[in-house]
């Protein structure tokens, strides 16, 4: 008896693995991390813009 493997077996396996991983995801922790990352990015951008402004100001003198 011959068995034929279809190409959807690997796709089905990836879908199942992704579903299991997403089911175990801590959404409140992820939202907290995203909030902290955004705040950190804003602070970094403010320092970067301030540093560029000060640098350009000293170059003109």
PDB file of N, CA and C in Angstrom:
ATOM      1  N   UNK A   1       0.838  -1.164   0.000  1.00  0.00           N
ATOM      2  CA  UNK A   1       0.000   0.000   0.000  1.00  0.00           C
ATOM      3  C   UNK A   1       0.897   1.245   0.000  1.00  0.00           C
ATOM      4  N   UNK A   2       0.651   2.144  -0.943  1.00  0.00           N
ATOM      5  CA  UNK A   2       1.432   3.368  -1.074  1.00  0.00           C
ATOM      6  C   UNK A   2       0.719   4.501  -0.373  1.00  0.00           C
ATOM      7  N   UNK A   3       1.493   5.314   0.341  1.00  0.00           N
ATOM      8  CA  UNK A   3       0.911   6.499   0.963  1.00  0.00           C
ATOM      9  C   UNK A   3       1.406   7.719   0.217  1.00  0.00           C
ATOM     10  N   UNK A   4       0.525   8.634  -0.020  1.00  0.00           N
ATOM     11  CA  UNK A   4       0.883   9.869  -0.711  1.00  0.00           C
ATOM     12  C   UNK A   4       0.838  11.006   0.308  1.00  0.00           C
ATOM     13  N   UNK A   5       1.932  11.739   0.373  1.00  0.00           N
ATOM     14  CA  UNK A   5       1.996  12.891   1.282  1.00  0.00           C
ATOM     15  C   UNK A   5       1.692  14.151   0.491  1.00  0.00           C
ATOM     16  N   UNK A   6       0.795  14.916   0.994  1.00  0.00           N
ATOM     17  CA  UNK A   6       0.487  16.170   0.330  1.00  0.00           C
ATOM     18  C   UNK A   6       1.361  17.277   0.906  1.00  0.00           C
ATOM     19  N   UNK A   7       1.473  18.352   0.168  1.00  0.00           N
ATOM     20  CA  UNK A   7       2.320  19.458   0.616  1.00  0.00           C
ATOM     21  C   UNK A   7       1.660  20.269   1.722  1.00  0.00           C
ATOM     22  N   UNK A   8       0.395  20.022   2.011  1.00  0.00           N
ATOM     23  CA  UNK A   8      -0.288  20.785   3.047  1.00  0.00           C
ATOM     24  C   UNK A   8       0.056  20.283   4.456  1.00  0.00           C
ATOM     25  N   UNK A   9       0.770  19.167   4.559  1.00  0.00           N
ATOM     26  CA  UNK A   9       1.139  18.660   5.879  1.00  0.00           C
ATOM     27  C   UNK A   9       2.042  19.640   6.620  1.00  0.00           C
ATOM     28  N   UNK A  10       3.027  20.204   5.939  1.00  0.00           N
ATOM     29  CA  UNK A  10       3.934  21.144   6.607  1.00  0.00           C
ATOM     30  C   UNK A  10       3.217  22.451   6.918  1.00  0.00           C
ATOM     31  N   UNK A  11       2.341  22.886   6.022  1.00  0.00           N
ATOM     32  CA  UNK A  11       1.569  24.099   6.279  1.00  0.00           C
ATOM     33  C   UNK A  11       0.630  23.914   7.458  1.00  0.00           C
ATOM     34  N   UNK A  12       0.023  22.750   7.536  1.00  0.00           N
ATOM     35  CA  UNK A  12      -0.872  22.443   8.647  1.00  0.00           C
ATOM     36  C   UNK A  12      -0.094  22.396   9.957  1.00  0.00           C
ATOM     37  N   UNK A  13       1.095  21.829   9.894  1.00  0.00           N
ATOM     38  CA  UNK A  13       1.933  21.741  11.090  1.00  0.00           C
ATOM     39  C   UNK A  13       2.357  23.128  11.565  1.00  0.00           C
ATOM     40  N   UNK A  14       2.728  24.011  10.618  1.00  0.00           N
ATOM     41  CA  UNK A  14       3.114  25.372  10.995  1.00  0.00           C
ATOM     42  C   UNK A  14       1.926  26.125  11.583  1.00  0.00           C
ATOM     43  N   UNK A  15       0.754  25.942  11.005  1.00  0.00           N
ATOM     44  CA  UNK A  15      -0.450  26.593  11.513  1.00  0.00           C
ATOM     45  C   UNK A  15      -0.747  26.136  12.937  1.00  0.00           C
ATOM     46  N   UNK A  16      -0.629  24.835  13.181  1.00  0.00           N
ATOM     47  CA  UNK A  16      -0.877  24.292  14.509  1.00  0.00           C
ATOM     48  C   UNK A  16       0.141  24.829  15.517  1.00  0.00           C
ATOM     49  N   UNK A  17       1.409  24.876  15.128  1.00  0.00           N
ATOM     50  CA  UNK A  17       2.453  25.404  16.011  1.00  0.00           C
ATOM     51  C   UNK A  17       2.211  26.877  16.318  1.00  0.00           C
ATOM     52  N   UNK A  18       1.865  27.652  15.302  1.00  0.00           N
ATOM     53  CA  UNK A  18       1.572  29.071  15.510  1.00  0.00           C
ATOM     54  C   UNK A  18       0.379  29.294  16.417  1.00  0.00           C
ATOM     55  N   UNK A  19      -0.640  28.468  16.257  1.00  0.00           N
ATOM     56  CA  UNK A  19      -1.824  28.575  17.102  1.00  0.00           C
ATOM     57  C   UNK A  19      -1.493  28.283  18.555  1.00  0.00           C
ATOM     58  N   UNK A  20      -0.686  27.263  18.783  1.00  0.00           N
ATOM     59  CA  UNK A  20      -0.295  26.916  20.150  1.00  0.00           C
ATOM     60  C   UNK A  20       0.538  28.030  20.766  1.00  0.00           C
ATOM     61  N   UNK A  21       1.475  28.586  19.997  1.00  0.00           N
ATOM     62  CA  UNK A  21       2.312  29.666  20.524  1.00  0.00           C
ATOM     63  C   UNK A  21       1.491  30.909  20.833  1.00  0.00           C
ATOM     64  N   UNK A  22       0.552  31.259  19.959  1.00  0.00           N
ATOM     65  CA  UNK A  22      -0.279  32.435  20.201  1.00  0.00           C
ATOM     66  C   UNK A  22      -1.253  32.220  21.357  1.00  0.00           C
ATOM     67  N   UNK A  23      -1.668  30.982  21.570  1.00  0.00           N
ATOM     68  CA  UNK A  23      -2.583  30.699  22.676  1.00  0.00           C
ATOM     69  C   UNK A  23      -1.881  30.875  24.019  1.00  0.00           C
ATOM     70  N   UNK A  24      -0.580  30.616  24.055  1.00  0.00           N
ATOM     71  CA  UNK A  24       0.165  30.735  25.304  1.00  0.00           C
ATOM     72  C   UNK A  24       0.781  32.117  25.499  1.00  0.00           C
ATOM     73  N   UNK A  25       0.467  33.061  24.635  1.00  0.00           N
ATOM     74  CA  UNK A  25       1.047  34.395  24.704  1.00  0.00           C
ATOM     75  C   UNK A  25       0.368  35.209  25.800  1.00  0.00           C
ATOM     76  N   UNK A  26       1.163  35.924  26.552  1.00  0.00           N
ATOM     77  CA  UNK A  26       0.649  36.783  27.613  1.00  0.00           C
ATOM     78  C   UNK A  26       0.396  38.172  27.022  1.00  0.00           C
ATOM     79  N   UNK A  27      -0.863  38.448  26.697  1.00  0.00           N
ATOM     80  CA  UNK A  27      -1.178  39.696  26.004  1.00  0.00           C
ATOM     81  C   UNK A  27      -1.004  40.918  26.892  1.00  0.00           C
ATOM     82  N   UNK A  28      -1.268  40.810  28.179  1.00  0.00           N
ATOM     83  CA  UNK A  28      -1.089  41.971  29.052  1.00  0.00           C
ATOM     84  C   UNK A  28       0.395  42.296  29.192  1.00  0.00           C
ATOM     85  N   UNK A  29       1.228  41.282  29.264  1.00  0.00           N
ATOM     86  CA  UNK A  29       2.667  41.515  29.325  1.00  0.00           C
ATOM     87  C   UNK A  29       3.192  42.082  28.024  1.00  0.00           C
ATOM     88  N   UNK A  30       2.635  41.627  26.908  1.00  0.00           N
ATOM     89  CA  UNK A  30       3.044  42.136  25.603  1.00  0.00           C
ATOM     90  C   UNK A  30       2.631  43.593  25.438  1.00  0.00           C
ATOM     91  N   UNK A  31       1.442  43.934  25.885  1.00  0.00           N
ATOM     92  CA  UNK A  31       0.982  45.322  25.812  1.00  0.00           C
ATOM     93  C   UNK A  31       1.835  46.214  26.710  1.00  0.00           C
ATOM     94  N   UNK A  32       2.193  45.715  27.888  1.00  0.00           N
ATOM     95  CA  UNK A  32       3.053  46.474  28.794  1.00  0.00           C
ATOM     96  C   UNK A  32       4.423  46.706  28.177  1.00  0.00           C
ATOM     97  N   UNK A  33       4.976  45.681  27.554  1.00  0.00           N
ATOM     98  CA  UNK A  33       6.269  45.802  26.897  1.00  0.00           C
ATOM     99  C   UNK A  33       6.207  46.798  25.738  1.00  0.00           C
ATOM    100  N   UNK A  34       5.137  46.732  24.944  1.00  0.00           N
ATOM    101  CA  UNK A  34       4.986  47.650  23.811  1.00  0.00           C
ATOM    102  C   UNK A  34       4.881  49.090  24.298  1.00  0.00           C
ATOM    103  N   UNK A  35       4.147  49.304  25.375  1.00  0.00           N
ATOM    104  CA  UNK A  35       4.012  50.650  25.943  1.00  0.00           C
ATOM    105  C   UNK A  35       5.363  51.177  26.409  1.00  0.00           C
ATOM    106  N   UNK A  36       6.124  50.338  27.104  1.00  0.00           N
ATOM    107  CA  UNK A  36       7.447  50.754  27.578  1.00  0.00           C
ATOM    108  C   UNK A  36       8.402  51.002  26.411  1.00  0.00           C
ATOM    109  N   UNK A  37       8.300  50.199  25.362  1.00  0.00           N
ATOM    110  CA  UNK A  37       9.160  50.383  24.192  1.00  0.00           C
ATOM    111  C   UNK A  37       8.844  51.693  23.477  1.00  0.00           C
ATOM    112  N   UNK A  38       7.570  52.025  23.385  1.00  0.00           N
ATOM    113  CA  UNK A  38       7.187  53.288  22.744  1.00  0.00           C
ATOM    114  C   UNK A  38       7.678  54.474  23.565  1.00  0.00           C
ATOM    115  N   UNK A  39       7.505  54.417  24.878  1.00  0.00           N
ATOM    116  CA  UNK A  39       7.979  55.502  25.743  1.00  0.00           C
ATOM    117  C   UNK A  39       9.500  55.626  25.635  1.00  0.00           C
ATOM    118  N   UNK A  40      10.198  54.514  25.648  1.00  0.00           N
ATOM    119  CA  UNK A  40      11.648  54.537  25.507  1.00  0.00           C
ATOM    120  C   UNK A  40      12.079  55.112  24.172  1.00  0.00           C
ATOM    121  N   UNK A  41      11.360  54.796  23.110  1.00  0.00           N
ATOM    122  CA  UNK A  41      11.665  55.343  21.793  1.00  0.00           C
ATOM    123  C   UNK A  41      11.461  56.841  21.729  1.00  0.00           C
ATOM    124  N   UNK A  42      10.407  57.314  22.364  1.00  0.00           N
ATOM    125  CA  UNK A  42      10.144  58.761  22.398  1.00  0.00           C
ATOM    126  C   UNK A  42      11.252  59.481  23.161  1.00  0.00           C
ATOM    127  N   UNK A  43      11.668  58.913  24.294  1.00  0.00           N
ATOM    128  CA  UNK A  43      12.752  59.523  25.076  1.00  0.00           C
ATOM    129  C   UNK A  43      14.041  59.526  24.273  1.00  0.00           C
ATOM    130  N   UNK A  44      14.365  58.408  23.599  1.00  0.00           N
ATOM    131  CA  UNK A  44      15.566  58.339  22.775  1.00  0.00           C
ATOM    132  C   UNK A  44      15.516  59.375  21.660  1.00  0.00           C
ATOM    133  N   UNK A  45      14.359  59.519  21.017  1.00  0.00           N
ATOM    134  CA  UNK A  45      14.218  60.481  19.929  1.00  0.00           C
ATOM    135  C   UNK A  45      14.396  61.906  20.431  1.00  0.00           C
ATOM    136  N   UNK A  46      13.876  62.200  21.617  1.00  0.00           N
ATOM    137  CA  UNK A  46      14.042  63.543  22.183  1.00  0.00           C
ATOM    138  C   UNK A  46      15.520  63.832  22.451  1.00  0.00           C
ATOM    139  N   UNK A  47      16.253  62.873  23.014  1.00  0.00           N
ATOM    140  CA  UNK A  47      17.680  63.063  23.236  1.00  0.00           C
ATOM    141  C   UNK A  47      18.419  63.224  21.912  1.00  0.00           C
ATOM    142  N   UNK A  48      18.043  62.455  20.916  1.00  0.00           N
ATOM    143  CA  UNK A  48      18.710  62.513  19.612  1.00  0.00           C
ATOM    144  C   UNK A  48      18.497  63.875  18.955  1.00  0.00           C
ATOM    145  N   UNK A  49      17.272  64.358  18.951  1.00  0.00           N
ATOM    146  CA  UNK A  49      16.965  65.649  18.338  1.00  0.00           C
ATOM    147  C   UNK A  49      17.663  66.772  19.100  1.00  0.00           C
ATOM    148  N   UNK A  50      17.650  66.692  20.427  1.00  0.00           N
ATOM    149  CA  UNK A  50      18.326  67.703  21.234  1.00  0.00           C
ATOM    150  C   UNK A  50      19.832  67.686  20.969  1.00  0.00           C
ATOM    151  N   UNK A  51      20.418  66.518  20.888  1.00  0.00           N
ATOM    152  CA  UNK A  51      21.846  66.401  20.599  1.00  0.00           C
ATOM    153  C   UNK A  51      22.201  66.942  19.232  1.00  0.00           C
ATOM    154  N   UNK A  52      21.373  66.667  18.233  1.00  0.00           N
ATOM    155  CA  UNK A  52      21.614  67.197  16.887  1.00  0.00           C
ATOM    156  C   UNK A  52      21.492  68.711  16.863  1.00  0.00           C
ATOM    157  N   UNK A  53      20.527  69.243  17.575  1.00  0.00           N
ATOM    158  CA  UNK A  53      20.340  70.697  17.639  1.00  0.00           C
ATOM    159  C   UNK A  53      21.548  71.369  18.294  1.00  0.00           C
ATOM    160  N   UNK A  54      21.996  70.811  19.405  1.00  0.00           N
ATOM    161  CA  UNK A  54      23.150  71.386  20.101  1.00  0.00           C
ATOM    162  C   UNK A  54      24.409  71.260  19.251  1.00  0.00           C
ATOM    163  N   UNK A  55      24.565  70.140  18.589  1.00  0.00           N
ATOM    164  CA  UNK A  55      25.722  69.927  17.725  1.00  0.00           C
ATOM    165  C   UNK A  55      25.748  70.942  16.576  1.00  0.00           C
ATOM    166  N   UNK A  56      24.621  71.150  15.926  1.00  0.00           N
ATOM    167  CA  UNK A  56      24.551  72.123  14.834  1.00  0.00           C
ATOM    168  C   UNK A  56      24.787  73.545  15.338  1.00  0.00           C
ATOM    169  N   UNK A  57      24.317  73.830  16.525  1.00  0.00           N
ATOM    170  CA  UNK A  57      24.487  75.159  17.098  1.00  0.00           C
ATOM    171  C   UNK A  57      25.951  75.454  17.360  1.00  0.00           C
ATOM    172  N   UNK A  58      26.700  74.452  17.858  1.00  0.00           N
ATOM    173  CA  UNK A  58      28.127  74.646  18.126  1.00  0.00           C
ATOM    174  C   UNK A  58      28.939  74.700  16.828  1.00  0.00           C
ATOM    175  N   UNK A  59      28.498  74.035  15.784  1.00  0.00           N
ATOM    176  CA  UNK A  59      29.204  74.056  14.507  1.00  0.00           C
ATOM    177  C   UNK A  59      29.120  75.433  13.849  1.00  0.00           C
ATOM    178  N   UNK A  60      28.010  76.132  14.053  1.00  0.00           N
ATOM    179  CA  UNK A  60      27.822  77.464  13.455  1.00  0.00           C
ATOM    180  C   UNK A  60      28.698  78.515  14.118  1.00  0.00           C
ATOM    181  N   UNK A  61      29.094  78.297  15.367  1.00  0.00           N
ATOM    182  CA  UNK A  61      29.906  79.303  16.082  1.00  0.00           C
ATOM    183  C   UNK A  61      31.344  79.235  15.723  1.00  0.00           C
TER     184      UNK A  61
END
